């Protein structure tokens, strides 16, 4: 009712008027740009892992990014260069899969 009294738009709330909730659901925070589409890994997740002290091989083991098609490896190198100084190690199995494509 306050929204109507204040003259605000109720358009966004219309679909929630008869919903069985006390309040409209809130959205989760945006994850940011997706770097690895194969495993749905966001740039913010990779940056956070690198900032916590993980090297890129550990991030790769944790998130699986760069281990399927390999198209995100260039971006992983770029992100690593922004904050970490360790070298990027590619799983030999990934190299074999990429060569066979």
C-alpha atoms as a PDB file:
ATOM      1  CA  UNK A   1       0.000   0.000   0.000  1.00  0.00           C
ATOM      2  CA  UNK A   2       2.898   2.383   0.750  1.00  0.00           C
ATOM      3  CA  UNK A   3       4.061   2.083  -2.836  1.00  0.00           C
ATOM      4  CA  UNK A   4       0.702   3.254  -4.167  1.00  0.00           C
ATOM      5  CA  UNK A   5       0.521   6.133  -1.665  1.00  0.00           C
ATOM      6  CA  UNK A   6       4.034   7.253  -2.649  1.00  0.00           C
ATOM      7  CA  UNK A   7       3.068   7.115  -6.329  1.00  0.00           C
ATOM      8  CA  UNK A   8       5.489   4.314  -7.221  1.00  0.00           C
ATOM      9  CA  UNK A   9       4.952   1.806 -10.010  1.00  0.00           C
ATOM     10  CA  UNK A  10       3.295  -1.444  -9.006  1.00  0.00           C
ATOM     11  CA  UNK A  11       3.946  -3.106 -12.362  1.00  0.00           C
ATOM     12  CA  UNK A  12       6.841  -5.237 -11.065  1.00  0.00           C
ATOM     13  CA  UNK A  13       4.847  -6.406  -8.057  1.00  0.00           C
ATOM     14  CA  UNK A  14       1.689  -7.476  -9.933  1.00  0.00           C
ATOM     15  CA  UNK A  15       2.833 -11.053 -10.467  1.00  0.00           C
ATOM     16  CA  UNK A  16       3.502 -11.423  -6.727  1.00  0.00           C
ATOM     17  CA  UNK A  17       0.162 -10.141  -5.415  1.00  0.00           C
ATOM     18  CA  UNK A  18      -1.320 -13.625  -5.036  1.00  0.00           C
ATOM     19  CA  UNK A  19       1.924 -15.552  -4.498  1.00  0.00           C
ATOM     20  CA  UNK A  20       2.135 -17.599  -1.288  1.00  0.00           C
ATOM     21  CA  UNK A  21       5.069 -15.517   0.019  1.00  0.00           C
ATOM     22  CA  UNK A  22       5.275 -12.806   2.640  1.00  0.00           C
ATOM     23  CA  UNK A  23       7.515 -10.755   0.344  1.00  0.00           C
ATOM     24  CA  UNK A  24       8.595 -10.926  -3.306  1.00  0.00           C
ATOM     25  CA  UNK A  25      11.691 -13.074  -3.801  1.00  0.00           C
ATOM     26  CA  UNK A  26      14.979 -11.235  -4.043  1.00  0.00           C
ATOM     27  CA  UNK A  27      17.525 -11.970  -6.708  1.00  0.00           C
ATOM     28  CA  UNK A  28      20.929 -13.388  -5.978  1.00  0.00           C
ATOM     29  CA  UNK A  29      23.952 -11.206  -6.641  1.00  0.00           C
ATOM     30  CA  UNK A  30      25.186 -11.208 -10.222  1.00  0.00           C
ATOM     31  CA  UNK A  31      28.077 -13.599 -10.790  1.00  0.00           C
ATOM     32  CA  UNK A  32      29.586 -11.530 -13.551  1.00  0.00           C
ATOM     33  CA  UNK A  33      30.930 -12.541 -16.917  1.00  0.00           C
ATOM     34  CA  UNK A  34      31.111 -16.280 -17.599  1.00  0.00           C
ATOM     35  CA  UNK A  35      34.623 -17.299 -18.667  1.00  0.00           C
ATOM     36  CA  UNK A  36      34.140 -21.068 -18.989  1.00  0.00           C
ATOM     37  CA  UNK A  37      30.875 -22.031 -20.651  1.00  0.00           C
ATOM     38  CA  UNK A  38      31.579 -25.761 -20.386  1.00  0.00           C
ATOM     39  CA  UNK A  39      31.488 -25.657 -16.584  1.00  0.00           C
ATOM     40  CA  UNK A  40      29.665 -22.329 -16.002  1.00  0.00           C
ATOM     41  CA  UNK A  41      32.586 -20.635 -14.233  1.00  0.00           C
ATOM     42  CA  UNK A  42      32.392 -16.872 -13.722  1.00  0.00           C
ATOM     43  CA  UNK A  43      35.312 -14.463 -13.891  1.00  0.00           C
ATOM     44  CA  UNK A  44      34.607 -13.352 -10.312  1.00  0.00           C
ATOM     45  CA  UNK A  45      35.022 -16.932  -9.071  1.00  0.00           C
ATOM     46  CA  UNK A  46      38.367 -17.345 -10.840  1.00  0.00           C
ATOM     47  CA  UNK A  47      39.643 -13.974  -9.615  1.00  0.00           C
ATOM     48  CA  UNK A  48      38.585 -14.786  -6.034  1.00  0.00           C
ATOM     49  CA  UNK A  49      40.383 -18.140  -6.168  1.00  0.00           C
ATOM     50  CA  UNK A  50      43.553 -16.535  -7.550  1.00  0.00           C
ATOM     51  CA  UNK A  51      43.374 -13.791  -4.919  1.00  0.00           C
ATOM     52  CA  UNK A  52      43.073 -16.408  -2.166  1.00  0.00           C
ATOM     53  CA  UNK A  53      46.474 -17.776  -3.171  1.00  0.00           C
ATOM     54  CA  UNK A  54      45.555 -20.635  -5.479  1.00  0.00           C
ATOM     55  CA  UNK A  55      47.670 -21.053  -8.572  1.00  0.00           C
ATOM     56  CA  UNK A  56      45.962 -21.615 -11.889  1.00  0.00           C
ATOM     57  CA  UNK A  57      46.444 -25.387 -11.763  1.00  0.00           C
ATOM     58  CA  UNK A  58      44.599 -25.458  -8.426  1.00  0.00           C
ATOM     59  CA  UNK A  59      41.820 -23.240  -9.805  1.00  0.00           C
ATOM     60  CA  UNK A  60      41.581 -25.579 -12.781  1.00  0.00           C
ATOM     61  CA  UNK A  61      41.318 -28.588 -10.471  1.00  0.00           C
ATOM     62  CA  UNK A  62      38.704 -26.867  -8.298  1.00  0.00           C
ATOM     63  CA  UNK A  63      36.523 -25.291 -11.008  1.00  0.00           C
ATOM     64  CA  UNK A  64      37.381 -27.540 -14.010  1.00  0.00           C
ATOM     65  CA  UNK A  65      37.730 -24.422 -16.202  1.00  0.00           C
ATOM     66  CA  UNK A  66      40.061 -24.938 -19.144  1.00  0.00           C
ATOM     67  CA  UNK A  67      39.780 -28.728 -18.953  1.00  0.00           C
ATOM     68  CA  UNK A  68      37.134 -29.460 -21.566  1.00  0.00           C
ATOM     69  CA  UNK A  69      37.188 -27.621 -24.891  1.00  0.00           C
ATOM     70  CA  UNK A  70      40.046 -25.283 -23.943  1.00  0.00           C
ATOM     71  CA  UNK A  71      38.531 -22.128 -25.457  1.00  0.00           C
ATOM     72  CA  UNK A  72      38.758 -20.259 -22.133  1.00  0.00           C
ATOM     73  CA  UNK A  73      42.470 -20.913 -21.618  1.00  0.00           C
ATOM     74  CA  UNK A  74      43.486 -17.577 -23.171  1.00  0.00           C
ATOM     75  CA  UNK A  75      41.228 -15.744 -20.741  1.00  0.00           C
ATOM     76  CA  UNK A  76      42.568 -17.825 -17.850  1.00  0.00           C
ATOM     77  CA  UNK A  77      46.104 -16.746 -18.845  1.00  0.00           C
ATOM     78  CA  UNK A  78      44.975 -13.118 -18.867  1.00  0.00           C
ATOM     79  CA  UNK A  79      43.341 -13.379 -15.442  1.00  0.00           C
ATOM     80  CA  UNK A  80      46.400 -15.123 -14.063  1.00  0.00           C
ATOM     81  CA  UNK A  81      48.639 -12.364 -15.411  1.00  0.00           C
ATOM     82  CA  UNK A  82      46.610  -9.727 -13.591  1.00  0.00           C
ATOM     83  CA  UNK A  83      47.215 -11.146 -10.144  1.00  0.00           C
ATOM     84  CA  UNK A  84      49.356 -14.261 -10.066  1.00  0.00           C
ATOM     85  CA  UNK A  85      52.808 -15.035 -11.396  1.00  0.00           C
ATOM     86  CA  UNK A  86      52.778 -18.835 -11.536  1.00  0.00           C
ATOM     87  CA  UNK A  87      52.631 -20.655 -14.844  1.00  0.00           C
ATOM     88  CA  UNK A  88      49.486 -22.211 -16.251  1.00  0.00           C
ATOM     89  CA  UNK A  89      49.624 -25.983 -16.545  1.00  0.00           C
ATOM     90  CA  UNK A  90      47.352 -27.750 -18.988  1.00  0.00           C
ATOM     91  CA  UNK A  91      46.279 -31.278 -18.246  1.00  0.00           C
ATOM     92  CA  UNK A  92      47.889 -33.575 -20.884  1.00  0.00           C
ATOM     93  CA  UNK A  93      44.503 -35.233 -21.420  1.00  0.00           C
ATOM     94  CA  UNK A  94      43.054 -31.872 -22.458  1.00  0.00           C
ATOM     95  CA  UNK A  95      45.851 -31.377 -25.001  1.00  0.00           C
ATOM     96  CA  UNK A  96      45.041 -34.779 -26.485  1.00  0.00           C
ATOM     97  CA  UNK A  97      41.329 -33.968 -26.735  1.00  0.00           C
ATOM     98  CA  UNK A  98      42.022 -30.594 -28.354  1.00  0.00           C
ATOM     99  CA  UNK A  99      44.395 -32.109 -30.941  1.00  0.00           C
ATOM    100  CA  UNK A 100      41.833 -34.765 -31.841  1.00  0.00           C
ATOM    101  CA  UNK A 101      39.077 -32.226 -32.553  1.00  0.00           C
END
